[in-house]
């Protein structure tokens, strides 16, 4: 566990920079004008998956927004793990409560 904490500490500046770069992409899925940003965000995520060592990382077109798919098959016989999430963001307009 110490090696994990040490790695996170040693790389924290890079990790924060990666999150900031990701958060700067205005991937508002509810705004049709932001469709190019949705694709840019999907490409960014696929590149990050490849950088993390996934053997397959690609952006798959759909009728809606693209899907980011990645896989790493480096541990035959081990359980499969599926991570499902979203990469779009909400508009910055204030929400009236």
PDB file of N, CA and C in Angstrom:
ATOM      1  N   UNK A   1       0.818  -1.190   0.000  1.00  0.00           N
ATOM      2  CA  UNK A   1       0.000   0.000   0.000  1.00  0.00           C
ATOM      3  C   UNK A   1       0.861   1.253   0.000  1.00  0.00           C
ATOM      4  N   UNK A   2       1.997   1.188   0.682  1.00  0.00           N
ATOM      5  CA  UNK A   2       2.886   2.351   0.713  1.00  0.00           C
ATOM      6  C   UNK A   2       3.359   2.729  -0.687  1.00  0.00           C
ATOM      7  N   UNK A   3       3.593   1.723  -1.541  1.00  0.00           N
ATOM      8  CA  UNK A   3       4.057   2.039  -2.893  1.00  0.00           C
ATOM      9  C   UNK A   3       2.971   2.739  -3.701  1.00  0.00           C
ATOM     10  N   UNK A   4       1.713   2.378  -3.474  1.00  0.00           N
ATOM     11  CA  UNK A   4       0.598   3.028  -4.166  1.00  0.00           C
ATOM     12  C   UNK A   4       0.482   4.478  -3.708  1.00  0.00           C
ATOM     13  N   UNK A   5       0.540   4.689  -2.410  1.00  0.00           N
ATOM     14  CA  UNK A   5       0.459   6.047  -1.869  1.00  0.00           C
ATOM     15  C   UNK A   5       1.653   6.874  -2.348  1.00  0.00           C
ATOM     16  N   UNK A   6       2.823   6.291  -2.352  1.00  0.00           N
ATOM     17  CA  UNK A   6       4.010   6.988  -2.836  1.00  0.00           C
ATOM     18  C   UNK A   6       3.890   7.373  -4.300  1.00  0.00           C
ATOM     19  N   UNK A   7       3.380   6.454  -5.114  1.00  0.00           N
ATOM     20  CA  UNK A   7       3.194   6.732  -6.541  1.00  0.00           C
ATOM     21  C   UNK A   7       2.201   7.871  -6.732  1.00  0.00           C
ATOM     22  N   UNK A   8       1.079   7.819  -6.009  1.00  0.00           N
ATOM     23  CA  UNK A   8       0.073   8.878  -6.113  1.00  0.00           C
ATOM     24  C   UNK A   8       0.646  10.221  -5.679  1.00  0.00           C
ATOM     25  N   UNK A   9       1.405  10.222  -4.616  1.00  0.00           N
ATOM     26  CA  UNK A   9       2.017  11.459  -4.125  1.00  0.00           C
ATOM     27  C   UNK A   9       3.037  11.995  -5.127  1.00  0.00           C
ATOM     28  N   UNK A  10       3.885  11.128  -5.627  1.00  0.00           N
ATOM     29  CA  UNK A  10       4.929  11.543  -6.566  1.00  0.00           C
ATOM     30  C   UNK A  10       4.361  12.069  -7.881  1.00  0.00           C
ATOM     31  N   UNK A  11       3.181  11.620  -8.252  1.00  0.00           N
ATOM     32  CA  UNK A  11       2.585  11.992  -9.537  1.00  0.00           C
ATOM     33  C   UNK A  11       1.369  12.895  -9.402  1.00  0.00           C
ATOM     34  N   UNK A  12       1.130  13.433  -8.218  1.00  0.00           N
ATOM     35  CA  UNK A  12      -0.092  14.204  -7.973  1.00  0.00           C
ATOM     36  C   UNK A  12      -0.214  15.424  -8.882  1.00  0.00           C
ATOM     37  N   UNK A  13       0.877  16.101  -9.175  1.00  0.00           N
ATOM     38  CA  UNK A  13       0.806  17.282 -10.050  1.00  0.00           C
ATOM     39  C   UNK A  13       0.329  16.870 -11.441  1.00  0.00           C
ATOM     40  N   UNK A  14       0.871  15.787 -11.955  1.00  0.00           N
ATOM     41  CA  UNK A  14       0.452  15.290 -13.273  1.00  0.00           C
ATOM     42  C   UNK A  14      -1.005  14.847 -13.255  1.00  0.00           C
ATOM     43  N   UNK A  15      -1.414  14.164 -12.188  1.00  0.00           N
ATOM     44  CA  UNK A  15      -2.798  13.700 -12.094  1.00  0.00           C
ATOM     45  C   UNK A  15      -3.770  14.875 -12.082  1.00  0.00           C
ATOM     46  N   UNK A  16      -3.453  15.897 -11.311  1.00  0.00           N
ATOM     47  CA  UNK A  16      -4.323  17.078 -11.250  1.00  0.00           C
ATOM     48  C   UNK A  16      -4.373  17.757 -12.617  1.00  0.00           C
ATOM     49  N   UNK A  17      -3.235  17.873 -13.288  1.00  0.00           N
ATOM     50  CA  UNK A  17      -3.206  18.486 -14.618  1.00  0.00           C
ATOM     51  C   UNK A  17      -4.075  17.701 -15.601  1.00  0.00           C
ATOM     52  N   UNK A  18      -4.038  16.370 -15.521  1.00  0.00           N
ATOM     53  CA  UNK A  18      -4.875  15.539 -16.390  1.00  0.00           C
ATOM     54  C   UNK A  18      -6.360  15.786 -16.135  1.00  0.00           C
ATOM     55  N   UNK A  19      -6.740  15.867 -14.881  1.00  0.00           N
ATOM     56  CA  UNK A  19      -8.148  16.109 -14.544  1.00  0.00           C
ATOM     57  C   UNK A  19      -8.574  17.498 -15.012  1.00  0.00           C
ATOM     58  N   UNK A  20      -7.715  18.486 -14.840  1.00  0.00           N
ATOM     59  CA  UNK A  20      -8.030  19.847 -15.286  1.00  0.00           C
ATOM     60  C   UNK A  20      -8.197  19.870 -16.806  1.00  0.00           C
ATOM     61  N   UNK A  21      -7.292  19.221 -17.539  1.00  0.00           N
ATOM     62  CA  UNK A  21      -7.424  19.153 -19.001  1.00  0.00           C
ATOM     63  C   UNK A  21      -8.745  18.511 -19.400  1.00  0.00           C
ATOM     64  N   UNK A  22      -9.099  17.436 -18.733  1.00  0.00           N
ATOM     65  CA  UNK A  22     -10.350  16.726 -19.010  1.00  0.00           C
ATOM     66  C   UNK A  22     -11.554  17.612 -18.707  1.00  0.00           C
ATOM     67  N   UNK A  23     -11.533  18.277 -17.568  1.00  0.00           N
ATOM     68  CA  UNK A  23     -12.668  19.113 -17.153  1.00  0.00           C
ATOM     69  C   UNK A  23     -12.839  20.340 -18.038  1.00  0.00           C
ATOM     70  N   UNK A  24     -11.800  20.755 -18.716  1.00  0.00           N
ATOM     71  CA  UNK A  24     -11.885  21.933 -19.591  1.00  0.00           C
ATOM     72  C   UNK A  24     -12.629  21.655 -20.893  1.00  0.00           C
ATOM     73  N   UNK A  25     -12.845  20.415 -21.219  1.00  0.00           N
ATOM     74  CA  UNK A  25     -13.549  20.091 -22.464  1.00  0.00           C
ATOM     75  C   UNK A  25     -15.047  20.271 -22.212  1.00  0.00           C
ATOM     76  N   UNK A  26     -15.687  21.216 -22.904  1.00  0.00           N
ATOM     77  CA  UNK A  26     -17.108  21.494 -22.645  1.00  0.00           C
ATOM     78  C   UNK A  26     -18.030  20.467 -23.313  1.00  0.00           C
ATOM     79  N   UNK A  27     -17.984  19.252 -22.837  1.00  0.00           N
ATOM     80  CA  UNK A  27     -18.734  18.140 -23.435  1.00  0.00           C
ATOM     81  C   UNK A  27     -20.168  18.098 -22.900  1.00  0.00           C
ATOM     82  N   UNK A  28     -20.926  19.134 -23.245  1.00  0.00           N
ATOM     83  CA  UNK A  28     -22.324  19.242 -22.809  1.00  0.00           C
ATOM     84  C   UNK A  28     -23.181  18.456 -23.802  1.00  0.00           C
ATOM     85  N   UNK A  29     -23.615  17.287 -23.404  1.00  0.00           N
ATOM     86  CA  UNK A  29     -24.328  16.402 -24.328  1.00  0.00           C
ATOM     87  C   UNK A  29     -25.702  16.927 -24.720  1.00  0.00           C
ATOM     88  N   UNK A  30     -26.299  17.766 -23.901  1.00  0.00           N
ATOM     89  CA  UNK A  30     -27.640  18.279 -24.201  1.00  0.00           C
ATOM     90  C   UNK A  30     -27.617  19.441 -25.195  1.00  0.00           C
ATOM     91  N   UNK A  31     -26.434  19.909 -25.592  1.00  0.00           N
ATOM     92  CA  UNK A  31     -26.305  21.032 -26.515  1.00  0.00           C
ATOM     93  C   UNK A  31     -25.760  20.527 -27.850  1.00  0.00           C
ATOM     94  N   UNK A  32     -26.605  20.500 -28.896  1.00  0.00           N
ATOM     95  CA  UNK A  32     -26.140  20.002 -30.199  1.00  0.00           C
ATOM     96  C   UNK A  32     -24.914  20.745 -30.735  1.00  0.00           C
ATOM     97  N   UNK A  33     -24.747  21.992 -30.368  1.00  0.00           N
ATOM     98  CA  UNK A  33     -23.583  22.762 -30.820  1.00  0.00           C
ATOM     99  C   UNK A  33     -22.286  22.223 -30.213  1.00  0.00           C
ATOM    100  N   UNK A  34     -22.394  21.448 -29.149  1.00  0.00           N
ATOM    101  CA  UNK A  34     -21.216  20.899 -28.465  1.00  0.00           C
ATOM    102  C   UNK A  34     -20.860  19.488 -28.940  1.00  0.00           C
ATOM    103  N   UNK A  35     -21.513  19.022 -29.986  1.00  0.00           N
ATOM    104  CA  UNK A  35     -21.213  17.670 -30.495  1.00  0.00           C
ATOM    105  C   UNK A  35     -19.721  17.493 -30.806  1.00  0.00           C
ATOM    106  N   UNK A  36     -19.062  18.477 -31.451  1.00  0.00           N
ATOM    107  CA  UNK A  36     -17.613  18.316 -31.674  1.00  0.00           C
ATOM    108  C   UNK A  36     -16.826  18.174 -30.366  1.00  0.00           C
ATOM    109  N   UNK A  37     -17.278  18.848 -29.315  1.00  0.00           N
ATOM    110  CA  UNK A  37     -16.606  18.725 -28.020  1.00  0.00           C
ATOM    111  C   UNK A  37     -16.833  17.349 -27.407  1.00  0.00           C
ATOM    112  N   UNK A  38     -18.002  16.778 -27.653  1.00  0.00           N
ATOM    113  CA  UNK A  38     -18.254  15.412 -27.177  1.00  0.00           C
ATOM    114  C   UNK A  38     -17.271  14.445 -27.844  1.00  0.00           C
ATOM    115  N   UNK A  39     -17.060  14.610 -29.145  1.00  0.00           N
ATOM    116  CA  UNK A  39     -16.109  13.754 -29.853  1.00  0.00           C
ATOM    117  C   UNK A  39     -14.688  14.009 -29.349  1.00  0.00           C
ATOM    118  N   UNK A  40     -14.332  15.263 -29.140  1.00  0.00           N
ATOM    119  CA  UNK A  40     -12.994  15.594 -28.631  1.00  0.00           C
ATOM    120  C   UNK A  40     -12.771  14.966 -27.257  1.00  0.00           C
ATOM    121  N   UNK A  41     -13.794  14.998 -26.417  1.00  0.00           N
ATOM    122  CA  UNK A  41     -13.690  14.410 -25.085  1.00  0.00           C
ATOM    123  C   UNK A  41     -13.537  12.889 -25.181  1.00  0.00           C
ATOM    124  N   UNK A  42     -14.308  12.276 -26.061  1.00  0.00           N
ATOM    125  CA  UNK A  42     -14.204  10.824 -26.252  1.00  0.00           C
ATOM    126  C   UNK A  42     -12.801  10.451 -26.735  1.00  0.00           C
ATOM    127  N   UNK A  43     -12.260  11.219 -27.668  1.00  0.00           N
ATOM    128  CA  UNK A  43     -10.903  10.960 -28.166  1.00  0.00           C
ATOM    129  C   UNK A  43      -9.870  11.156 -27.057  1.00  0.00           C
ATOM    130  N   UNK A  44     -10.074  12.165 -26.223  1.00  0.00           N
ATOM    131  CA  UNK A  44      -9.172  12.403 -25.093  1.00  0.00           C
ATOM    132  C   UNK A  44      -9.159  11.181 -24.165  1.00  0.00           C
ATOM    133  N   UNK A  45     -10.345  10.672 -23.850  1.00  0.00           N
ATOM    134  CA  UNK A  45     -10.429   9.519 -22.951  1.00  0.00           C
ATOM    135  C   UNK A  45      -9.804   8.271 -23.565  1.00  0.00           C
ATOM    136  N   UNK A  46     -10.037   8.046 -24.851  1.00  0.00           N
ATOM    137  CA  UNK A  46      -9.429   6.886 -25.508  1.00  0.00           C
ATOM    138  C   UNK A  46      -7.902   6.995 -25.470  1.00  0.00           C
ATOM    139  N   UNK A  47      -7.383   8.189 -25.678  1.00  0.00           N
ATOM    140  CA  UNK A  47      -5.931   8.395 -25.607  1.00  0.00           C
ATOM    141  C   UNK A  47      -5.410   8.120 -24.198  1.00  0.00           C
ATOM    142  N   UNK A  48      -6.151   8.531 -23.181  1.00  0.00           N
ATOM    143  CA  UNK A  48      -5.739   8.277 -21.795  1.00  0.00           C
ATOM    144  C   UNK A  48      -5.748   6.774 -21.502  1.00  0.00           C
ATOM    145  N   UNK A  49      -6.733   6.052 -22.035  1.00  0.00           N
ATOM    146  CA  UNK A  49      -6.776   4.599 -21.847  1.00  0.00           C
ATOM    147  C   UNK A  49      -5.562   3.938 -22.499  1.00  0.00           C
ATOM    148  N   UNK A  50      -5.219   4.382 -23.713  1.00  0.00           N
ATOM    149  CA  UNK A  50      -4.031   3.837 -24.380  1.00  0.00           C
ATOM    150  C   UNK A  50      -2.774   4.157 -23.575  1.00  0.00           C
ATOM    151  N   UNK A  51      -2.688   5.377 -23.064  1.00  0.00           N
ATOM    152  CA  UNK A  51      -1.525   5.777 -22.261  1.00  0.00           C
ATOM    153  C   UNK A  51      -1.418   4.940 -20.987  1.00  0.00           C
ATOM    154  N   UNK A  52      -2.561   4.463 -20.490  1.00  0.00           N
ATOM    155  CA  UNK A  52      -2.573   3.634 -19.283  1.00  0.00           C
ATOM    156  C   UNK A  52      -2.212   2.181 -19.583  1.00  0.00           C
ATOM    157  N   UNK A  53      -2.047   1.855 -20.873  1.00  0.00           N
ATOM    158  CA  UNK A  53      -1.618   0.513 -21.230  1.00  0.00           C
ATOM    159  C   UNK A  53      -2.697  -0.414 -21.754  1.00  0.00           C
ATOM    160  N   UNK A  54      -3.906   0.094 -21.956  1.00  0.00           N
ATOM    161  CA  UNK A  54      -4.935  -0.776 -22.518  1.00  0.00           C
ATOM    162  C   UNK A  54      -4.553  -1.135 -23.946  1.00  0.00           C
ATOM    163  N   UNK A  55      -4.729  -2.395 -24.285  1.00  0.00           N
ATOM    164  CA  UNK A  55      -4.327  -2.872 -25.603  1.00  0.00           C
ATOM    165  C   UNK A  55      -5.309  -2.463 -26.686  1.00  0.00           C
ATOM    166  N   UNK A  56      -6.501  -2.137 -26.300  1.00  0.00           N
ATOM    167  CA  UNK A  56      -7.504  -1.671 -27.256  1.00  0.00           C
ATOM    168  C   UNK A  56      -8.258  -0.527 -26.605  1.00  0.00           C
ATOM    169  N   UNK A  57      -8.270   0.608 -27.258  1.00  0.00           N
ATOM    170  CA  UNK A  57      -9.029   1.767 -26.789  1.00  0.00           C
ATOM    171  C   UNK A  57      -9.477   2.524 -28.020  1.00  0.00           C
ATOM    172  N   UNK A  58     -10.769   2.652 -28.179  1.00  0.00           N
ATOM    173  CA  UNK A  58     -11.274   3.297 -29.383  1.00  0.00           C
ATOM    174  C   UNK A  58     -12.573   4.039 -29.108  1.00  0.00           C
ATOM    175  N   UNK A  59     -12.881   4.919 -30.026  1.00  0.00           N
ATOM    176  CA  UNK A  59     -14.120   5.684 -29.982  1.00  0.00           C
ATOM    177  C   UNK A  59     -15.052   5.062 -31.013  1.00  0.00           C
ATOM    178  N   UNK A  60     -16.206   4.617 -30.553  1.00  0.00           N
ATOM    179  CA  UNK A  60     -17.170   3.950 -31.423  1.00  0.00           C
ATOM    180  C   UNK A  60     -18.334   4.889 -31.706  1.00  0.00           C
ATOM    181  N   UNK A  61     -18.601   5.165 -32.978  1.00  0.00           N
ATOM    182  CA  UNK A  61     -19.725   6.040 -33.299  1.00  0.00           C
ATOM    183  C   UNK A  61     -21.056   5.351 -32.998  1.00  0.00           C
ATOM    184  N   UNK A  62     -22.033   6.141 -32.630  1.00  0.00           N
ATOM    185  CA  UNK A  62     -23.399   5.651 -32.406  1.00  0.00           C
ATOM    186  C   UNK A  62     -24.348   6.661 -33.043  1.00  0.00           C
ATOM    187  N   UNK A  63     -25.632   6.380 -32.984  1.00  0.00           N
ATOM    188  CA  UNK A  63     -26.618   7.335 -33.485  1.00  0.00           C
ATOM    189  C   UNK A  63     -26.632   8.596 -32.621  1.00  0.00           C
ATOM    190  N   UNK A  64     -26.177   8.470 -31.389  1.00  0.00           N
ATOM    191  CA  UNK A  64     -26.099   9.620 -30.488  1.00  0.00           C
ATOM    192  C   UNK A  64     -24.657  10.041 -30.318  1.00  0.00           C
ATOM    193  N   UNK A  65     -24.204  10.046 -29.091  1.00  0.00           N
ATOM    194  CA  UNK A  65     -22.820  10.425 -28.807  1.00  0.00           C
ATOM    195  C   UNK A  65     -21.930   9.187 -28.848  1.00  0.00           C
ATOM    196  N   UNK A  66     -20.648   9.382 -29.165  1.00  0.00           N
ATOM    197  CA  UNK A  66     -19.767   8.222 -29.289  1.00  0.00           C
ATOM    198  C   UNK A  66     -19.533   7.508 -27.960  1.00  0.00           C
ATOM    199  N   UNK A  67     -19.255   6.231 -28.078  1.00  0.00           N
ATOM    200  CA  UNK A  67     -18.930   5.387 -26.935  1.00  0.00           C
ATOM    201  C   UNK A  67     -17.412   5.226 -26.905  1.00  0.00           C
ATOM    202  N   UNK A  68     -16.842   5.284 -25.722  1.00  0.00           N
ATOM    203  CA  UNK A  68     -15.416   5.021 -25.552  1.00  0.00           C
ATOM    204  C   UNK A  68     -15.294   3.592 -25.035  1.00  0.00           C
ATOM    205  N   UNK A  69     -14.562   2.782 -25.775  1.00  0.00           N
ATOM    206  CA  UNK A  69     -14.414   1.371 -25.417  1.00  0.00           C
ATOM    207  C   UNK A  69     -12.933   1.059 -25.245  1.00  0.00           C
ATOM    208  N   UNK A  70     -12.620   0.348 -24.198  1.00  0.00           N
ATOM    209  CA  UNK A  70     -11.241  -0.070 -23.991  1.00  0.00           C
ATOM    210  C   UNK A  70     -11.204  -1.442 -23.349  1.00  0.00           C
ATOM    211  N   UNK A  71     -10.126  -2.167 -23.629  1.00  0.00           N
ATOM    212  CA  UNK A  71      -9.958  -3.465 -22.987  1.00  0.00           C
ATOM    213  C   UNK A  71      -8.481  -3.771 -22.797  1.00  0.00           C
ATOM    214  N   UNK A  72      -8.229  -4.527 -21.777  1.00  0.00           N
ATOM    215  CA  UNK A  72      -6.898  -5.035 -21.480  1.00  0.00           C
ATOM    216  C   UNK A  72      -7.074  -6.513 -21.191  1.00  0.00           C
ATOM    217  N   UNK A  73      -6.438  -7.329 -21.975  1.00  0.00           N
ATOM    218  CA  UNK A  73      -6.603  -8.779 -21.852  1.00  0.00           C
ATOM    219  C   UNK A  73      -5.318  -9.431 -21.362  1.00  0.00           C
ATOM    220  N   UNK A  74      -4.622  -8.765 -20.474  1.00  0.00           N
ATOM    221  CA  UNK A  74      -3.329  -9.232 -20.017  1.00  0.00           C
ATOM    222  C   UNK A  74      -3.344 -10.196 -18.855  1.00  0.00           C
ATOM    223  N   UNK A  75      -4.514 -10.647 -18.428  1.00  0.00           N
ATOM    224  CA  UNK A  75      -4.576 -11.574 -17.297  1.00  0.00           C
ATOM    225  C   UNK A  75      -5.561 -12.700 -17.614  1.00  0.00           C
ATOM    226  N   UNK A  76      -5.185 -13.609 -18.537  1.00  0.00           N
ATOM    227  CA  UNK A  76      -6.089 -14.703 -18.888  1.00  0.00           C
ATOM    228  C   UNK A  76      -6.526 -15.491 -17.655  1.00  0.00           C
ATOM    229  N   UNK A  77      -7.791 -15.861 -17.652  1.00  0.00           N
ATOM    230  CA  UNK A  77      -8.321 -16.649 -16.548  1.00  0.00           C
ATOM    231  C   UNK A  77      -8.788 -15.828 -15.360  1.00  0.00           C
ATOM    232  N   UNK A  78      -8.533 -14.547 -15.389  1.00  0.00           N
ATOM    233  CA  UNK A  78      -8.970 -13.680 -14.288  1.00  0.00           C
ATOM    234  C   UNK A  78     -10.367 -13.143 -14.590  1.00  0.00           C
ATOM    235  N   UNK A  79     -11.080 -12.672 -13.576  1.00  0.00           N
ATOM    236  CA  UNK A  79     -12.432 -12.158 -13.791  1.00  0.00           C
ATOM    237  C   UNK A  79     -12.444 -10.932 -14.715  1.00  0.00           C
ATOM    238  N   UNK A  80     -13.554 -10.754 -15.376  1.00  0.00           N
ATOM    239  CA  UNK A  80     -13.777  -9.581 -16.215  1.00  0.00           C
ATOM    240  C   UNK A  80     -14.334  -8.462 -15.349  1.00  0.00           C
ATOM    241  N   UNK A  81     -13.843  -7.264 -15.582  1.00  0.00           N
ATOM    242  CA  UNK A  81     -14.343  -6.086 -14.871  1.00  0.00           C
ATOM    243  C   UNK A  81     -14.912  -5.131 -15.907  1.00  0.00           C
ATOM    244  N   UNK A  82     -16.122  -4.670 -15.697  1.00  0.00           N
ATOM    245  CA  UNK A  82     -16.760  -3.702 -16.583  1.00  0.00           C
ATOM    246  C   UNK A  82     -16.940  -2.402 -15.818  1.00  0.00           C
ATOM    247  N   UNK A  83     -16.493  -1.321 -16.422  1.00  0.00           N
ATOM    248  CA  UNK A  83     -16.700   0.004 -15.834  1.00  0.00           C
ATOM    249  C   UNK A  83     -17.564   0.783 -16.805  1.00  0.00           C
ATOM    250  N   UNK A  84     -18.687   1.266 -16.323  1.00  0.00           N
ATOM    251  CA  UNK A  84     -19.610   2.025 -17.160  1.00  0.00           C
ATOM    252  C   UNK A  84     -19.766   3.400 -16.536  1.00  0.00           C
ATOM    253  N   UNK A  85     -19.634   4.407 -17.337  1.00  0.00           N
ATOM    254  CA  UNK A  85     -19.779   5.763 -16.814  1.00  0.00           C
ATOM    255  C   UNK A  85     -20.138   6.714 -17.938  1.00  0.00           C
ATOM    256  N   UNK A  86     -20.130   7.982 -17.637  1.00  0.00           N
ATOM    257  CA  UNK A  86     -20.419   8.979 -18.669  1.00  0.00           C
ATOM    258  C   UNK A  86     -19.322  10.033 -18.655  1.00  0.00           C
ATOM    259  N   UNK A  87     -19.149  10.697 -19.789  1.00  0.00           N
ATOM    260  CA  UNK A  87     -18.100  11.704 -19.893  1.00  0.00           C
ATOM    261  C   UNK A  87     -18.653  13.070 -20.264  1.00  0.00           C
ATOM    262  N   UNK A  88     -19.953  13.207 -20.264  1.00  0.00           N
ATOM    263  CA  UNK A  88     -20.526  14.520 -20.551  1.00  0.00           C
ATOM    264  C   UNK A  88     -20.640  15.330 -19.265  1.00  0.00           C
ATOM    265  N   UNK A  89     -20.853  16.615 -19.441  1.00  0.00           N
ATOM    266  CA  UNK A  89     -20.975  17.518 -18.298  1.00  0.00           C
ATOM    267  C   UNK A  89     -22.277  18.295 -18.404  1.00  0.00           C
ATOM    268  N   UNK A  90     -22.608  18.993 -17.346  1.00  0.00           N
ATOM    269  CA  UNK A  90     -23.802  19.823 -17.332  1.00  0.00           C
ATOM    270  C   UNK A  90     -23.446  21.239 -17.778  1.00  0.00           C
ATOM    271  N   UNK A  91     -24.405  21.958 -18.364  1.00  0.00           N
ATOM    272  CA  UNK A  91     -24.133  23.341 -18.754  1.00  0.00           C
ATOM    273  C   UNK A  91     -23.781  24.192 -17.536  1.00  0.00           C
ATOM    274  N   UNK A  92     -23.040  25.267 -17.770  1.00  0.00           N
ATOM    275  CA  UNK A  92     -22.622  26.122 -16.660  1.00  0.00           C
ATOM    276  C   UNK A  92     -23.699  27.110 -16.246  1.00  0.00           C
ATOM    277  N   UNK A  93     -24.782  27.196 -17.000  1.00  0.00           N
ATOM    278  CA  UNK A  93     -25.860  28.124 -16.645  1.00  0.00           C
ATOM    279  C   UNK A  93     -26.327  27.862 -15.228  1.00  0.00           C
ATOM    280  N   UNK A  94     -26.622  28.922 -14.490  1.00  0.00           N
ATOM    281  CA  UNK A  94     -27.110  28.701 -13.120  1.00  0.00           C
ATOM    282  C   UNK A  94     -28.472  27.997 -13.127  1.00  0.00           C
ATOM    283  N   UNK A  95     -28.628  27.141 -12.189  1.00  0.00           N
ATOM    284  CA  UNK A  95     -29.890  26.432 -12.026  1.00  0.00           C
ATOM    285  C   UNK A  95     -30.696  27.160 -10.964  1.00  0.00           C
ATOM    286  N   UNK A  96     -31.921  27.493 -11.307  1.00  0.00           N
ATOM    287  CA  UNK A  96     -32.772  28.161 -10.323  1.00  0.00           C
ATOM    288  C   UNK A  96     -33.520  27.109  -9.528  1.00  0.00           C
ATOM    289  N   UNK A  97     -33.419  27.211  -8.221  1.00  0.00           N
ATOM    290  CA  UNK A  97     -34.089  26.248  -7.349  1.00  0.00           C
ATOM    291  C   UNK A  97     -35.372  26.823  -6.810  1.00  0.00           C
TER     292      UNK A  97
END
